[in-house]
Amino acid sequence: MSSKQPHVAAARIVQDAGGELVGRTRLQKVAFLMQLAGFDKSFSFEYRHYGPYSEDLSQAMDIAVLLGPVSEVERVADWGGRYSIYSLVGQVPGVDYDADRATFVQEAKKIDAVELELAATAAYLFEVEGIGKVYPGNPWEETARRKPTKVVGGRLAKAAQAYEDLRKIKTLNALPELPPLGQSI
């Protein structure tokens, strides 16, 4: 994959998702976890309110929509916000099918959007910010501290389980093993 064509890398995510991916936040989190798993290094991520975020990916998807082969339909959610549905409408040029990558993306896209956000955030805090890896603390507890309204109803535990399930999928690089909930270094 040429890093000179990030829109192709963005379109490939939709292709790997089976031709459809719902939500800009989901796109960002799946792409970040793909990067941790070694499937793609096309985008740089930083921490934002919703966890790991890549402006490069956002722009690349906009270009993939403008040039094809992705279409974007915006819908209004029940709660009043907007969300995007990305669909593949053509072939992604020069992209080989990778069954392991596709399996990973398809499993990640099945995870509840908030739980996926929590899991990707904890992984980012561990791997990039070093919480629980280099610095004292637990990335799950830090995720709960930063996102208190999103961890209600057992969502943090569900996110941790979803992350562990993703770790079982064959990847190029093993997803980092995060400290269990309640355990700090």
N, C-alpha and C. Protein backbone atom coordinates (compact mmCIF):
# COMPACT_ATOMS: atom_id res chain seq x y z
N MET A 1 0.85 -1.18 0.00
CA MET A 1 0.00 0.00 0.00
C MET A 1 0.89 1.23 0.00
N SER A 2 0.67 2.05 -0.97
CA SER A 2 1.44 3.28 -1.08
C SER A 2 0.93 4.32 -0.10
N SER A 3 1.83 4.86 0.68
CA SER A 3 1.43 5.93 1.60
C SER A 3 1.10 7.21 0.84
N LYS A 4 1.40 7.23 -0.46
CA LYS A 4 1.07 8.40 -1.27
C LYS A 4 -0.41 8.43 -1.64
N GLN A 5 -1.14 7.35 -1.34
CA GLN A 5 -2.55 7.28 -1.66
C GLN A 5 -3.36 6.91 -0.41
N PRO A 6 -3.41 7.81 0.55
CA PRO A 6 -4.13 7.47 1.79
C PRO A 6 -5.62 7.23 1.56
N HIS A 7 -6.20 7.84 0.52
CA HIS A 7 -7.61 7.60 0.25
C HIS A 7 -7.87 6.14 -0.13
N VAL A 8 -6.87 5.49 -0.73
CA VAL A 8 -6.99 4.07 -1.06
C VAL A 8 -6.96 3.25 0.24
N ALA A 9 -6.08 3.63 1.16
CA ALA A 9 -6.03 2.94 2.46
C ALA A 9 -7.34 3.11 3.21
N ALA A 10 -7.94 4.29 3.14
CA ALA A 10 -9.22 4.53 3.80
C ALA A 10 -10.32 3.68 3.17
N ALA A 11 -10.35 3.64 1.84
CA ALA A 11 -11.36 2.84 1.13
C ALA A 11 -11.18 1.35 1.44
N ARG A 12 -9.95 0.93 1.60
CA ARG A 12 -9.68 -0.48 1.90
C ARG A 12 -10.32 -0.88 3.23
N ILE A 13 -10.39 0.03 4.18
CA ILE A 13 -11.02 -0.29 5.46
C ILE A 13 -12.49 -0.63 5.24
N VAL A 14 -13.16 0.14 4.40
CA VAL A 14 -14.57 -0.13 4.09
C VAL A 14 -14.68 -1.46 3.35
N GLN A 15 -13.76 -1.71 2.43
CA GLN A 15 -13.75 -2.99 1.71
C GLN A 15 -13.58 -4.15 2.69
N ASP A 16 -12.62 -4.03 3.58
CA ASP A 16 -12.38 -5.10 4.56
C ASP A 16 -13.56 -5.29 5.50
N ALA A 17 -14.34 -4.23 5.71
CA ALA A 17 -15.50 -4.32 6.59
C ALA A 17 -16.68 -5.03 5.91
N GLY A 18 -16.46 -5.50 4.70
CA GLY A 18 -17.52 -6.18 3.99
C GLY A 18 -18.32 -5.25 3.09
N GLY A 19 -17.79 -4.05 2.86
CA GLY A 19 -18.43 -3.11 1.96
C GLY A 19 -19.24 -2.03 2.64
N GLU A 20 -19.37 -2.09 3.97
CA GLU A 20 -20.11 -1.05 4.68
C GLU A 20 -19.55 -0.87 6.08
N LEU A 21 -19.44 0.38 6.49
CA LEU A 21 -18.99 0.71 7.84
C LEU A 21 -19.82 1.91 8.31
N VAL A 22 -20.41 1.78 9.48
CA VAL A 22 -21.31 2.81 10.00
C VAL A 22 -20.60 3.62 11.08
N GLY A 23 -20.48 4.92 10.84
CA GLY A 23 -19.99 5.84 11.86
C GLY A 23 -18.56 6.30 11.65
N ARG A 24 -18.38 7.61 11.76
CA ARG A 24 -17.04 8.19 11.66
C ARG A 24 -16.17 7.77 12.85
N THR A 25 -16.76 7.73 14.03
CA THR A 25 -16.00 7.31 15.21
C THR A 25 -15.58 5.85 15.07
N ARG A 26 -16.49 5.00 14.60
CA ARG A 26 -16.16 3.59 14.40
C ARG A 26 -15.01 3.46 13.40
N LEU A 27 -15.06 4.22 12.30
CA LEU A 27 -13.98 4.21 11.31
C LEU A 27 -12.65 4.52 11.98
N GLN A 28 -12.62 5.56 12.79
CA GLN A 28 -11.38 5.97 13.46
C GLN A 28 -10.85 4.88 14.38
N LYS A 29 -11.73 4.28 15.18
CA LYS A 29 -11.29 3.29 16.16
C LYS A 29 -10.84 2.00 15.50
N VAL A 30 -11.57 1.57 14.46
CA VAL A 30 -11.17 0.38 13.73
C VAL A 30 -9.80 0.61 13.09
N ALA A 31 -9.60 1.77 12.47
CA ALA A 31 -8.32 2.07 11.83
C ALA A 31 -7.18 2.10 12.84
N PHE A 32 -7.43 2.67 14.02
CA PHE A 32 -6.38 2.70 15.04
C PHE A 32 -6.02 1.28 15.49
N LEU A 33 -7.03 0.46 15.75
CA LEU A 33 -6.76 -0.92 16.18
C LEU A 33 -6.08 -1.72 15.06
N MET A 34 -6.44 -1.45 13.81
CA MET A 34 -5.75 -2.09 12.67
C MET A 34 -4.27 -1.74 12.69
N GLN A 35 -3.98 -0.48 13.00
CA GLN A 35 -2.59 -0.05 13.06
C GLN A 35 -1.85 -0.79 14.17
N LEU A 36 -2.46 -0.89 15.35
CA LEU A 36 -1.82 -1.63 16.44
C LEU A 36 -1.59 -3.09 16.06
N ALA A 37 -2.51 -3.65 15.28
CA ALA A 37 -2.41 -5.05 14.86
C ALA A 37 -1.43 -5.25 13.71
N GLY A 38 -0.86 -4.15 13.20
CA GLY A 38 0.16 -4.24 12.16
C GLY A 38 -0.38 -4.31 10.75
N PHE A 39 -1.67 -4.09 10.56
CA PHE A 39 -2.25 -4.19 9.23
C PHE A 39 -2.09 -2.93 8.40
N ASP A 40 -1.84 -1.81 9.02
CA ASP A 40 -1.76 -0.56 8.27
C ASP A 40 -0.99 0.47 9.08
N LYS A 41 -0.16 1.23 8.40
CA LYS A 41 0.60 2.31 9.05
C LYS A 41 0.38 3.62 8.30
N SER A 42 -0.77 3.74 7.61
CA SER A 42 -1.01 4.89 6.74
C SER A 42 -1.35 6.18 7.48
N PHE A 43 -1.81 6.06 8.72
CA PHE A 43 -2.34 7.24 9.39
C PHE A 43 -1.70 7.44 10.75
N SER A 44 -1.51 8.71 11.13
CA SER A 44 -1.02 9.02 12.47
C SER A 44 -2.22 9.40 13.33
N PHE A 45 -2.17 9.02 14.59
CA PHE A 45 -3.27 9.24 15.52
C PHE A 45 -2.82 10.08 16.69
N GLU A 46 -3.76 10.86 17.22
CA GLU A 46 -3.54 11.61 18.45
C GLU A 46 -4.78 11.41 19.32
N TYR A 47 -4.66 11.80 20.58
CA TYR A 47 -5.81 11.65 21.48
C TYR A 47 -6.73 12.85 21.35
N ARG A 48 -8.01 12.56 21.19
CA ARG A 48 -9.05 13.59 21.17
C ARG A 48 -10.16 13.15 22.11
N HIS A 49 -11.21 13.93 22.17
CA HIS A 49 -12.33 13.66 23.09
C HIS A 49 -12.89 12.24 22.94
N TYR A 50 -12.98 11.73 21.72
CA TYR A 50 -13.54 10.40 21.49
C TYR A 50 -12.46 9.32 21.42
N GLY A 51 -11.24 9.63 21.86
CA GLY A 51 -10.16 8.64 21.84
C GLY A 51 -9.22 8.89 20.68
N PRO A 52 -8.55 7.83 20.22
CA PRO A 52 -7.59 8.00 19.13
C PRO A 52 -8.28 8.54 17.87
N TYR A 53 -7.66 9.54 17.27
CA TYR A 53 -8.24 10.21 16.12
C TYR A 53 -7.13 10.57 15.13
N SER A 54 -7.43 10.40 13.85
CA SER A 54 -6.49 10.77 12.79
C SER A 54 -7.15 11.75 11.83
N GLU A 55 -6.65 12.95 11.80
CA GLU A 55 -7.13 13.93 10.82
C GLU A 55 -6.78 13.46 9.41
N ASP A 56 -5.62 12.80 9.28
CA ASP A 56 -5.22 12.25 7.99
C ASP A 56 -6.27 11.25 7.47
N LEU A 57 -6.76 10.38 8.34
CA LEU A 57 -7.78 9.41 7.95
C LEU A 57 -9.07 10.11 7.57
N SER A 58 -9.47 11.10 8.33
CA SER A 58 -10.69 11.85 8.03
C SER A 58 -10.61 12.48 6.64
N GLN A 59 -9.48 13.12 6.35
CA GLN A 59 -9.29 13.74 5.04
C GLN A 59 -9.22 12.69 3.93
N ALA A 60 -8.54 11.58 4.21
CA ALA A 60 -8.42 10.51 3.22
C ALA A 60 -9.79 9.93 2.87
N MET A 61 -10.65 9.77 3.88
CA MET A 61 -11.99 9.24 3.59
C MET A 61 -12.79 10.24 2.79
N ASP A 62 -12.65 11.53 3.09
CA ASP A 62 -13.33 12.55 2.30
C ASP A 62 -12.91 12.46 0.83
N ILE A 63 -11.63 12.23 0.59
CA ILE A 63 -11.12 12.09 -0.78
C ILE A 63 -11.65 10.81 -1.41
N ALA A 64 -11.68 9.72 -0.64
CA ALA A 64 -12.21 8.44 -1.16
C ALA A 64 -13.68 8.59 -1.56
N VAL A 65 -14.41 9.42 -0.84
CA VAL A 65 -15.81 9.68 -1.18
C VAL A 65 -15.88 10.54 -2.45
N LEU A 66 -15.04 11.55 -2.55
CA LEU A 66 -15.05 12.43 -3.73
C LEU A 66 -14.62 11.71 -5.01
N LEU A 67 -13.55 10.91 -4.89
CA LEU A 67 -12.99 10.25 -6.07
C LEU A 67 -13.58 8.85 -6.30
N GLY A 68 -14.26 8.32 -5.30
CA GLY A 68 -14.68 6.93 -5.35
C GLY A 68 -13.55 6.10 -4.79
N PRO A 69 -13.77 4.93 -4.42
CA PRO A 69 -14.94 4.09 -4.63
C PRO A 69 -15.88 4.01 -3.43
N VAL A 70 -15.87 5.03 -2.56
CA VAL A 70 -16.70 5.00 -1.36
C VAL A 70 -17.81 6.04 -1.48
N SER A 71 -18.99 5.69 -1.01
CA SER A 71 -20.06 6.68 -0.89
C SER A 71 -20.32 6.89 0.59
N GLU A 72 -20.77 8.09 0.92
CA GLU A 72 -21.10 8.43 2.30
C GLU A 72 -22.52 8.98 2.33
N VAL A 73 -23.32 8.39 3.20
CA VAL A 73 -24.68 8.87 3.41
C VAL A 73 -24.76 9.29 4.87
N GLU A 74 -25.21 10.51 5.11
CA GLU A 74 -25.38 10.98 6.49
C GLU A 74 -26.81 10.78 6.92
N ARG A 75 -26.97 10.33 8.15
CA ARG A 75 -28.28 10.11 8.74
C ARG A 75 -28.35 10.84 10.08
N VAL A 76 -29.57 11.08 10.53
CA VAL A 76 -29.79 11.68 11.85
C VAL A 76 -30.10 10.54 12.82
N ALA A 77 -29.35 10.51 13.91
CA ALA A 77 -29.55 9.48 14.93
C ALA A 77 -30.78 9.80 15.76
N ASP A 78 -31.28 8.81 16.47
CA ASP A 78 -32.44 8.99 17.35
C ASP A 78 -32.24 10.13 18.33
N TRP A 79 -31.00 10.31 18.79
CA TRP A 79 -30.71 11.32 19.80
C TRP A 79 -30.47 12.70 19.18
N GLY A 80 -30.54 12.80 17.84
CA GLY A 80 -30.43 14.10 17.18
C GLY A 80 -29.11 14.37 16.49
N GLY A 81 -28.08 13.62 16.86
CA GLY A 81 -26.78 13.80 16.21
C GLY A 81 -26.78 13.18 14.81
N ARG A 82 -25.69 13.37 14.12
CA ARG A 82 -25.56 12.83 12.77
C ARG A 82 -24.51 11.72 12.76
N TYR A 83 -24.69 10.78 11.86
CA TYR A 83 -23.69 9.74 11.67
C TYR A 83 -23.58 9.43 10.18
N SER A 84 -22.47 8.83 9.80
CA SER A 84 -22.22 8.51 8.40
C SER A 84 -22.27 7.01 8.17
N ILE A 85 -22.75 6.64 7.00
CA ILE A 85 -22.67 5.26 6.55
C ILE A 85 -21.78 5.26 5.32
N TYR A 86 -20.64 4.57 5.43
CA TYR A 86 -19.72 4.45 4.30
C TYR A 86 -20.00 3.14 3.59
N SER A 87 -20.14 3.21 2.27
CA SER A 87 -20.39 2.01 1.46
C SER A 87 -19.43 1.98 0.29
N LEU A 88 -18.99 0.78 -0.02
CA LEU A 88 -18.13 0.60 -1.18
C LEU A 88 -19.01 0.55 -2.42
N VAL A 89 -18.71 1.38 -3.42
CA VAL A 89 -19.51 1.42 -4.64
C VAL A 89 -18.67 1.05 -5.87
N GLY A 90 -17.44 0.67 -5.65
CA GLY A 90 -16.57 0.26 -6.75
C GLY A 90 -15.41 -0.54 -6.21
N GLN A 91 -14.50 -0.86 -7.07
CA GLN A 91 -13.32 -1.61 -6.67
C GLN A 91 -12.27 -0.66 -6.10
N VAL A 92 -11.57 -1.13 -5.08
CA VAL A 92 -10.46 -0.36 -4.54
C VAL A 92 -9.24 -0.73 -5.37
N PRO A 93 -8.66 0.24 -6.09
CA PRO A 93 -7.56 -0.08 -7.02
C PRO A 93 -6.30 -0.53 -6.31
N GLY A 94 -5.70 -1.58 -6.84
CA GLY A 94 -4.39 -2.02 -6.38
C GLY A 94 -4.34 -2.56 -4.97
N VAL A 95 -5.45 -3.10 -4.48
CA VAL A 95 -5.49 -3.60 -3.11
C VAL A 95 -5.68 -5.11 -3.13
N ASP A 96 -4.77 -5.81 -2.50
CA ASP A 96 -4.90 -7.25 -2.39
C ASP A 96 -5.80 -7.59 -1.22
N TYR A 97 -6.57 -8.65 -1.38
CA TYR A 97 -7.42 -9.12 -0.30
C TYR A 97 -6.55 -9.82 0.74
N ASP A 98 -6.74 -9.50 1.98
CA ASP A 98 -6.03 -10.12 3.09
C ASP A 98 -7.09 -10.65 4.05
N ALA A 99 -7.24 -11.97 4.09
CA ALA A 99 -8.30 -12.59 4.89
C ALA A 99 -8.16 -12.26 6.37
N ASP A 100 -6.95 -12.24 6.89
CA ASP A 100 -6.75 -11.93 8.31
C ASP A 100 -7.15 -10.49 8.62
N ARG A 101 -6.74 -9.59 7.75
CA ARG A 101 -7.09 -8.17 7.93
C ARG A 101 -8.60 -7.99 7.86
N ALA A 102 -9.24 -8.63 6.88
CA ALA A 102 -10.69 -8.51 6.73
C ALA A 102 -11.42 -9.10 7.94
N THR A 103 -10.95 -10.23 8.42
CA THR A 103 -11.57 -10.84 9.61
C THR A 103 -11.46 -9.89 10.80
N PHE A 104 -10.29 -9.30 10.98
CA PHE A 104 -10.09 -8.37 12.09
C PHE A 104 -11.04 -7.18 11.99
N VAL A 105 -11.13 -6.58 10.82
CA VAL A 105 -11.99 -5.41 10.63
C VAL A 105 -13.46 -5.78 10.83
N GLN A 106 -13.87 -6.92 10.29
CA GLN A 106 -15.26 -7.32 10.41
C GLN A 106 -15.64 -7.62 11.86
N GLU A 107 -14.73 -8.19 12.62
CA GLU A 107 -15.02 -8.43 14.05
C GLU A 107 -15.02 -7.12 14.83
N ALA A 108 -14.10 -6.23 14.51
CA ALA A 108 -14.05 -4.94 15.21
C ALA A 108 -15.30 -4.12 14.94
N LYS A 109 -15.80 -4.17 13.72
CA LYS A 109 -16.97 -3.35 13.39
C LYS A 109 -18.25 -3.86 14.07
N LYS A 110 -18.24 -5.09 14.54
CA LYS A 110 -19.41 -5.65 15.24
C LYS A 110 -19.52 -5.15 16.68
N ILE A 111 -18.45 -4.63 17.22
CA ILE A 111 -18.43 -4.18 18.61
C ILE A 111 -19.28 -2.92 18.73
N ASP A 112 -20.07 -2.86 19.79
CA ASP A 112 -20.86 -1.66 20.08
C ASP A 112 -19.97 -0.43 19.96
N ALA A 113 -20.48 0.64 19.36
CA ALA A 113 -19.67 1.82 19.06
C ALA A 113 -19.01 2.42 20.30
N VAL A 114 -19.75 2.52 21.39
CA VAL A 114 -19.18 3.10 22.61
C VAL A 114 -18.13 2.16 23.20
N GLU A 115 -18.41 0.87 23.21
CA GLU A 115 -17.45 -0.10 23.73
C GLU A 115 -16.18 -0.13 22.88
N LEU A 116 -16.33 0.02 21.56
CA LEU A 116 -15.17 0.10 20.68
C LEU A 116 -14.35 1.34 20.99
N GLU A 117 -15.03 2.45 21.22
CA GLU A 117 -14.35 3.69 21.60
C GLU A 117 -13.57 3.51 22.90
N LEU A 118 -14.19 2.86 23.89
CA LEU A 118 -13.52 2.63 25.17
C LEU A 118 -12.31 1.72 25.01
N ALA A 119 -12.46 0.65 24.23
CA ALA A 119 -11.36 -0.29 24.02
C ALA A 119 -10.20 0.38 23.29
N ALA A 120 -10.50 1.13 22.23
CA ALA A 120 -9.45 1.80 21.48
C ALA A 120 -8.76 2.86 22.34
N THR A 121 -9.54 3.54 23.17
CA THR A 121 -8.97 4.55 24.07
C THR A 121 -8.01 3.91 25.06
N ALA A 122 -8.42 2.82 25.69
CA ALA A 122 -7.55 2.13 26.64
C ALA A 122 -6.26 1.65 25.95
N ALA A 123 -6.39 1.11 24.74
CA ALA A 123 -5.21 0.65 24.00
C ALA A 123 -4.29 1.82 23.67
N TYR A 124 -4.88 2.96 23.29
CA TYR A 124 -4.08 4.15 23.00
C TYR A 124 -3.36 4.64 24.26
N LEU A 125 -4.09 4.71 25.36
CA LEU A 125 -3.48 5.19 26.61
C LEU A 125 -2.32 4.29 27.03
N PHE A 126 -2.46 3.00 26.80
CA PHE A 126 -1.40 2.05 27.16
C PHE A 126 -0.22 2.16 26.20
N GLU A 127 -0.52 2.02 24.92
CA GLU A 127 0.55 1.90 23.91
C GLU A 127 1.21 3.23 23.59
N VAL A 128 0.44 4.31 23.49
CA VAL A 128 0.99 5.59 23.07
C VAL A 128 1.37 6.47 24.27
N GLU A 129 0.46 6.58 25.24
CA GLU A 129 0.75 7.42 26.40
C GLU A 129 1.52 6.67 27.49
N GLY A 130 1.58 5.36 27.41
CA GLY A 130 2.37 4.57 28.34
C GLY A 130 1.73 4.31 29.70
N ILE A 131 0.44 4.60 29.84
CA ILE A 131 -0.24 4.38 31.13
C ILE A 131 -0.39 2.88 31.36
N GLY A 132 0.22 2.39 32.43
CA GLY A 132 0.19 0.98 32.74
C GLY A 132 1.28 0.19 32.05
N LYS A 133 2.03 0.85 31.20
CA LYS A 133 3.14 0.21 30.47
C LYS A 133 4.47 0.79 30.94
N VAL A 134 4.58 2.11 30.86
CA VAL A 134 5.78 2.83 31.26
C VAL A 134 5.53 3.62 32.54
N TYR A 135 4.33 4.18 32.62
CA TYR A 135 3.95 5.03 33.75
C TYR A 135 2.95 4.29 34.63
N PRO A 136 2.91 4.64 35.91
CA PRO A 136 1.95 3.98 36.81
C PRO A 136 0.51 4.22 36.36
N GLY A 137 -0.33 3.27 36.69
CA GLY A 137 -1.75 3.41 36.41
C GLY A 137 -2.28 2.24 35.61
N ASN A 138 -3.54 2.34 35.29
CA ASN A 138 -4.23 1.31 34.52
C ASN A 138 -4.97 2.03 33.39
N PRO A 139 -4.75 1.62 32.14
CA PRO A 139 -5.39 2.33 31.02
C PRO A 139 -6.92 2.24 31.05
N TRP A 140 -7.47 1.17 31.61
CA TRP A 140 -8.93 1.05 31.71
C TRP A 140 -9.46 2.05 32.73
N GLU A 141 -8.79 2.17 33.86
CA GLU A 141 -9.23 3.12 34.88
C GLU A 141 -9.08 4.56 34.39
N GLU A 142 -8.02 4.83 33.63
CA GLU A 142 -7.84 6.17 33.06
C GLU A 142 -8.92 6.45 32.02
N THR A 143 -9.28 5.44 31.25
CA THR A 143 -10.38 5.59 30.29
C THR A 143 -11.66 5.94 31.02
N ALA A 144 -11.94 5.25 32.12
CA ALA A 144 -13.14 5.52 32.92
C ALA A 144 -13.11 6.94 33.49
N ARG A 145 -11.92 7.37 33.91
CA ARG A 145 -11.79 8.73 34.46
C ARG A 145 -12.08 9.77 33.38
N ARG A 146 -11.60 9.54 32.16
CA ARG A 146 -11.78 10.51 31.08
C ARG A 146 -13.18 10.46 30.46
N LYS A 147 -13.85 9.32 30.59
CA LYS A 147 -15.15 9.13 29.93
C LYS A 147 -16.18 8.57 30.91
N PRO A 148 -16.43 9.27 32.01
CA PRO A 148 -17.30 8.72 33.05
C PRO A 148 -18.73 8.43 32.60
N THR A 149 -19.25 9.20 31.67
CA THR A 149 -20.63 8.96 31.24
C THR A 149 -20.75 7.77 30.28
N LYS A 150 -19.63 7.34 29.73
CA LYS A 150 -19.68 6.24 28.76
C LYS A 150 -19.43 4.86 29.36
N VAL A 151 -18.94 4.81 30.59
CA VAL A 151 -18.61 3.52 31.18
C VAL A 151 -19.74 2.94 32.03
N VAL A 152 -20.87 3.63 32.08
CA VAL A 152 -21.99 3.16 32.89
C VAL A 152 -22.57 1.87 32.31
N GLY A 153 -23.27 1.12 33.15
CA GLY A 153 -23.94 -0.09 32.71
C GLY A 153 -23.02 -1.23 32.33
N GLY A 154 -21.84 -1.25 32.91
CA GLY A 154 -20.91 -2.34 32.63
C GLY A 154 -20.20 -2.24 31.29
N ARG A 155 -20.28 -1.08 30.66
CA ARG A 155 -19.66 -0.94 29.34
C ARG A 155 -18.14 -1.08 29.35
N LEU A 156 -17.50 -0.66 30.43
CA LEU A 156 -16.05 -0.77 30.47
C LEU A 156 -15.63 -2.24 30.48
N ALA A 157 -16.32 -3.05 31.26
CA ALA A 157 -16.02 -4.49 31.30
C ALA A 157 -16.31 -5.13 29.94
N LYS A 158 -17.39 -4.71 29.30
CA LYS A 158 -17.71 -5.24 27.96
C LYS A 158 -16.64 -4.82 26.95
N ALA A 159 -16.16 -3.59 27.08
CA ALA A 159 -15.10 -3.11 26.18
C ALA A 159 -13.82 -3.92 26.39
N ALA A 160 -13.49 -4.19 27.65
CA ALA A 160 -12.30 -4.98 27.95
C ALA A 160 -12.43 -6.39 27.36
N GLN A 161 -13.61 -6.98 27.46
CA GLN A 161 -13.83 -8.31 26.89
C GLN A 161 -13.75 -8.27 25.36
N ALA A 162 -14.34 -7.26 24.77
CA ALA A 162 -14.29 -7.12 23.31
C ALA A 162 -12.85 -6.99 22.84
N TYR A 163 -12.06 -6.22 23.56
CA TYR A 163 -10.64 -6.05 23.22
C TYR A 163 -9.92 -7.39 23.32
N GLU A 164 -10.19 -8.14 24.38
CA GLU A 164 -9.55 -9.46 24.54
C GLU A 164 -9.96 -10.39 23.40
N ASP A 165 -11.21 -10.30 22.97
CA ASP A 165 -11.66 -11.11 21.83
C ASP A 165 -10.91 -10.73 20.56
N LEU A 166 -10.67 -9.44 20.34
CA LEU A 166 -9.89 -9.01 19.18
C LEU A 166 -8.45 -9.52 19.27
N ARG A 167 -7.91 -9.62 20.46
CA ARG A 167 -6.54 -10.10 20.65
C ARG A 167 -6.38 -11.55 20.20
N LYS A 168 -7.48 -12.29 20.14
CA LYS A 168 -7.44 -13.71 19.75
C LYS A 168 -7.41 -13.90 18.24
N ILE A 169 -7.68 -12.84 17.49
CA ILE A 169 -7.69 -12.92 16.03
C ILE A 169 -6.26 -12.87 15.51
N LYS A 170 -5.99 -13.65 14.46
CA LYS A 170 -4.67 -13.67 13.86
C LYS A 170 -4.36 -12.30 13.25
N THR A 171 -3.26 -11.70 13.71
CA THR A 171 -2.84 -10.38 13.23
C THR A 171 -1.34 -10.42 12.93
N LEU A 172 -0.85 -9.40 12.27
CA LEU A 172 0.58 -9.33 11.99
C LEU A 172 1.36 -9.06 13.27
N ASN A 173 0.84 -8.14 14.10
CA ASN A 173 1.41 -7.85 15.41
C ASN A 173 0.32 -8.12 16.44
N ALA A 174 0.68 -8.78 17.50
CA ALA A 174 -0.31 -9.02 18.55
C ALA A 174 -0.74 -7.68 19.14
N LEU A 175 -2.06 -7.53 19.35
CA LEU A 175 -2.52 -6.33 20.06
C LEU A 175 -1.88 -6.34 21.44
N PRO A 176 -1.52 -5.19 21.97
CA PRO A 176 -0.89 -5.15 23.29
C PRO A 176 -1.77 -5.78 24.36
N GLU A 177 -1.14 -6.50 25.27
CA GLU A 177 -1.86 -7.07 26.40
C GLU A 177 -2.00 -5.98 27.46
N LEU A 178 -3.22 -5.54 27.68
CA LEU A 178 -3.48 -4.47 28.64
C LEU A 178 -3.62 -5.07 30.03
N PRO A 179 -3.24 -4.31 31.06
CA PRO A 179 -3.48 -4.80 32.43
C PRO A 179 -4.98 -5.01 32.64
N PRO A 180 -5.35 -6.02 33.40
CA PRO A 180 -6.79 -6.22 33.66
C PRO A 180 -7.38 -5.05 34.43
N LEU A 181 -8.68 -4.91 34.34
CA LEU A 181 -9.38 -3.90 35.13
C LEU A 181 -9.00 -4.06 36.59
N GLY A 182 -8.71 -2.94 37.24
CA GLY A 182 -8.41 -2.99 38.66
C GLY A 182 -6.97 -3.32 39.01
N GLN A 183 -6.13 -3.57 38.01
CA GLN A 183 -4.72 -3.91 38.27
C GLN A 183 -3.83 -2.83 37.68
N SER A 184 -2.98 -2.24 38.48
CA SER A 184 -2.06 -1.19 38.02
C SER A 184 -0.63 -1.66 38.17
N ILE A 185 0.28 -1.03 37.40
CA ILE A 185 1.69 -1.34 37.58
C ILE A 185 2.26 -0.45 38.67
